[in-house]
Amino acid sequence: MRVIRKYANRRLYDTSESRYVTLEDIKLLVINKEEFRVEDSKSGDDLTRNILLQIITEQENTSTGGSNPMFSNQVLQQLIRFYGDSMQGTMSNYLEESINTFLEQQKALRDQMQNAMTSNPMTTNPMELMRRVAEQNMKLWQSFQPKNGKDDEH
């Protein structure tokens, strides 16, 4: 695992490459799925989460290419409401599972589209593919609904 040390002057030092790095370099580690840990140079405390949040904040503030930020004000407000709530742990698990499911479905859709493009177009129906994905999404969201049928205020 790669170790990044954060110094008091806020500089980040990659111990495996023996060089200073930026948040952009750390973002690339995330994108490339490289394991790393950011630690305080003096105490050794794990600062990885703080650095990841800093990267997200920077990305949200500099949404490029005309794209909208990933988190609207409403979404951020709703997330803040969960802090200290009895459902905080549940929400964390829900978000993690939702993202994992989304990534799995995205990969499956890409694979199916690739197969559709390379197979006989007369035997593949793209609308059927989209119907199956929508059906899977509905099952996922229904599994998160409260059992008593009443929505929570969050």
Protein backbone atom coordinates (compact mmCIF):
# COMPACT_ATOMS: atom_id res chain seq x y z
CA MET A 1 0.00 0.00 0.00
CA ARG A 2 1.26 3.41 -0.96
CA VAL A 3 1.79 5.82 1.95
CA ILE A 4 1.35 9.55 1.48
CA ARG A 5 2.52 11.78 4.32
CA LYS A 6 0.91 15.11 5.00
CA TYR A 7 3.18 17.71 6.56
CA ALA A 8 2.31 20.73 8.68
CA ASN A 9 2.80 22.98 5.65
CA ARG A 10 -0.06 21.01 4.01
CA ARG A 11 2.26 19.41 1.46
CA LEU A 12 1.71 15.78 0.56
CA TYR A 13 4.71 13.47 0.11
CA ASP A 14 4.48 10.11 -1.67
CA THR A 15 6.92 7.85 0.17
CA SER A 16 6.98 5.19 -2.55
CA GLU A 17 7.95 7.64 -5.30
CA SER A 18 9.94 9.98 -3.04
CA ARG A 19 8.25 13.10 -4.35
CA TYR A 20 5.69 15.69 -3.38
CA VAL A 21 2.23 15.15 -4.85
CA THR A 22 -0.90 17.21 -5.34
CA LEU A 23 -4.56 16.45 -4.77
CA GLU A 24 -4.77 15.83 -8.51
CA ASP A 25 -2.12 13.09 -8.16
CA ILE A 26 -4.13 11.53 -5.35
CA LYS A 27 -7.28 11.74 -7.45
CA LEU A 28 -5.44 9.74 -10.14
CA LEU A 29 -4.55 7.09 -7.55
CA VAL A 30 -8.27 6.77 -6.80
CA ILE A 31 -9.20 6.62 -10.48
CA ASN A 32 -6.51 3.99 -11.08
CA LYS A 33 -7.78 2.01 -8.06
CA GLU A 34 -4.39 2.11 -6.34
CA GLU A 35 -4.40 1.40 -2.61
CA PHE A 36 -3.05 4.27 -0.54
CA ARG A 37 -3.18 5.82 2.88
CA VAL A 38 -2.62 9.45 3.77
CA GLU A 39 -1.14 9.93 7.22
CA ASP A 40 -0.05 12.83 9.37
CA SER A 41 3.74 13.08 9.24
CA LYS A 42 4.08 13.58 13.01
CA SER A 43 1.29 11.59 14.64
CA GLY A 44 0.74 8.94 11.97
CA ASP A 45 -3.02 9.56 12.17
CA ASP A 46 -4.99 8.39 9.15
CA LEU A 47 -6.01 11.46 7.11
CA THR A 48 -7.16 9.58 4.01
CA ARG A 49 -10.84 10.38 4.48
CA ASN A 50 -10.10 14.09 4.96
CA ILE A 51 -8.08 14.19 1.74
CA LEU A 52 -10.80 12.34 -0.18
CA LEU A 53 -13.40 14.82 1.08
CA GLN A 54 -11.10 17.65 0.03
CA ILE A 55 -10.87 16.17 -3.49
CA ILE A 56 -14.67 15.85 -3.68
CA THR A 57 -15.09 19.46 -2.51
CA GLU A 58 -12.64 20.65 -5.13
CA GLN A 59 -14.42 18.63 -7.84
CA GLU A 60 -17.81 19.98 -6.78
CA ASN A 61 -16.53 23.57 -6.85
CA THR A 62 -14.90 23.23 -10.26
CA SER A 63 -17.42 21.16 -12.19
CA THR A 64 -15.82 21.11 -15.63
CA GLY A 65 -17.14 20.68 -19.11
CA GLY A 66 -20.39 22.43 -18.32
CA SER A 67 -21.50 19.53 -16.15
CA ASN A 68 -23.55 20.01 -13.04
CA PRO A 69 -22.06 19.25 -9.64
CA MET A 70 -22.80 15.72 -8.48
CA PHE A 71 -24.34 16.96 -5.24
CA SER A 72 -27.05 19.60 -5.49
CA ASN A 73 -27.75 21.89 -2.53
CA GLN A 74 -30.81 19.80 -1.75
CA VAL A 75 -28.83 16.54 -1.69
CA LEU A 76 -26.16 18.09 0.54
CA GLN A 77 -28.82 19.40 2.93
CA GLN A 78 -30.46 16.00 3.10
CA LEU A 79 -27.12 14.32 3.79
CA ILE A 80 -26.36 16.81 6.57
CA ARG A 81 -29.68 15.96 8.20
CA PHE A 82 -28.56 12.35 8.57
CA TYR A 83 -25.56 13.25 10.73
CA GLY A 84 -26.37 12.41 14.33
CA ASP A 85 -29.61 10.74 13.27
CA SER A 86 -30.26 7.14 14.30
CA MET A 87 -30.26 6.29 10.59
CA GLN A 88 -26.74 7.66 9.92
CA GLY A 89 -25.14 4.19 9.72
CA THR A 90 -27.97 2.86 7.61
CA MET A 91 -27.66 5.80 5.21
CA SER A 92 -23.93 5.21 4.86
CA ASN A 93 -24.52 1.53 4.01
CA TYR A 94 -27.34 2.48 1.64
CA LEU A 95 -25.16 4.96 -0.27
CA GLU A 96 -22.30 2.48 -0.53
CA GLU A 97 -24.58 -0.32 -1.75
CA SER A 98 -26.35 2.01 -4.18
CA ILE A 99 -23.07 3.10 -5.74
CA ASN A 100 -21.84 -0.50 -5.95
CA THR A 101 -25.11 -1.56 -7.60
CA PHE A 102 -24.94 1.38 -9.99
CA LEU A 103 -21.38 0.43 -10.99
CA GLU A 104 -22.36 -3.23 -11.48
CA GLN A 105 -25.33 -2.24 -13.64
CA GLN A 106 -23.18 0.19 -15.62
CA LYS A 107 -20.65 -2.58 -16.31
CA ALA A 108 -23.41 -5.05 -17.24
CA LEU A 109 -25.01 -2.51 -19.57
CA ARG A 110 -21.65 -1.81 -21.24
CA ASP A 111 -21.02 -5.55 -21.64
CA GLN A 112 -24.49 -6.14 -23.05
CA MET A 113 -24.20 -3.19 -25.43
CA GLN A 114 -20.81 -4.48 -26.56
CA ASN A 115 -22.33 -7.92 -27.14
CA ALA A 116 -25.26 -6.36 -28.99
CA MET A 117 -22.91 -4.48 -31.28
CA THR A 118 -20.82 -7.54 -32.06
CA SER A 119 -23.68 -10.05 -32.41
CA ASN A 120 -26.30 -10.42 -35.08
CA PRO A 121 -28.49 -7.28 -34.86
CA MET A 122 -31.52 -9.30 -35.96
CA THR A 123 -31.39 -11.37 -32.73
CA THR A 124 -30.67 -8.55 -30.28
CA ASN A 125 -33.30 -6.06 -29.17
CA PRO A 126 -31.82 -2.92 -27.50
CA MET A 127 -35.24 -2.02 -26.06
CA GLU A 128 -35.38 -5.38 -24.28
CA LEU A 129 -31.96 -4.67 -22.81
CA MET A 130 -33.12 -1.28 -21.50
CA ARG A 131 -36.32 -2.84 -20.12
CA ARG A 132 -34.27 -5.39 -18.15
CA VAL A 133 -32.02 -2.68 -16.70
CA ALA A 134 -35.05 -0.58 -15.70
CA GLU A 135 -36.65 -3.64 -14.10
CA GLN A 136 -33.49 -4.32 -12.07
CA ASN A 137 -33.43 -0.69 -10.94
CA MET A 138 -37.06 -0.86 -9.80
CA LYS A 139 -36.37 -4.03 -7.78
CA LEU A 140 -33.37 -2.35 -6.14
CA TRP A 141 -35.31 0.78 -5.15
CA GLN A 142 -38.28 -1.27 -3.95
CA SER A 143 -35.96 -3.26 -1.69
CA PHE A 144 -35.03 -0.01 0.07
CA GLN A 145 -38.63 1.02 0.75
CA PRO A 146 -39.85 0.77 4.36
CA LYS A 147 -41.74 -2.45 4.99
CA ASN A 148 -44.79 -0.67 6.45
CA GLY A 149 -45.28 1.36 3.29
CA LYS A 150 -44.74 4.72 4.98
CA ASP A 151 -41.85 6.91 3.87
CA ASP A 152 -39.50 8.33 6.48
CA GLU A 153 -39.13 12.10 6.58
CA HIS A 154 -35.50 11.79 5.38
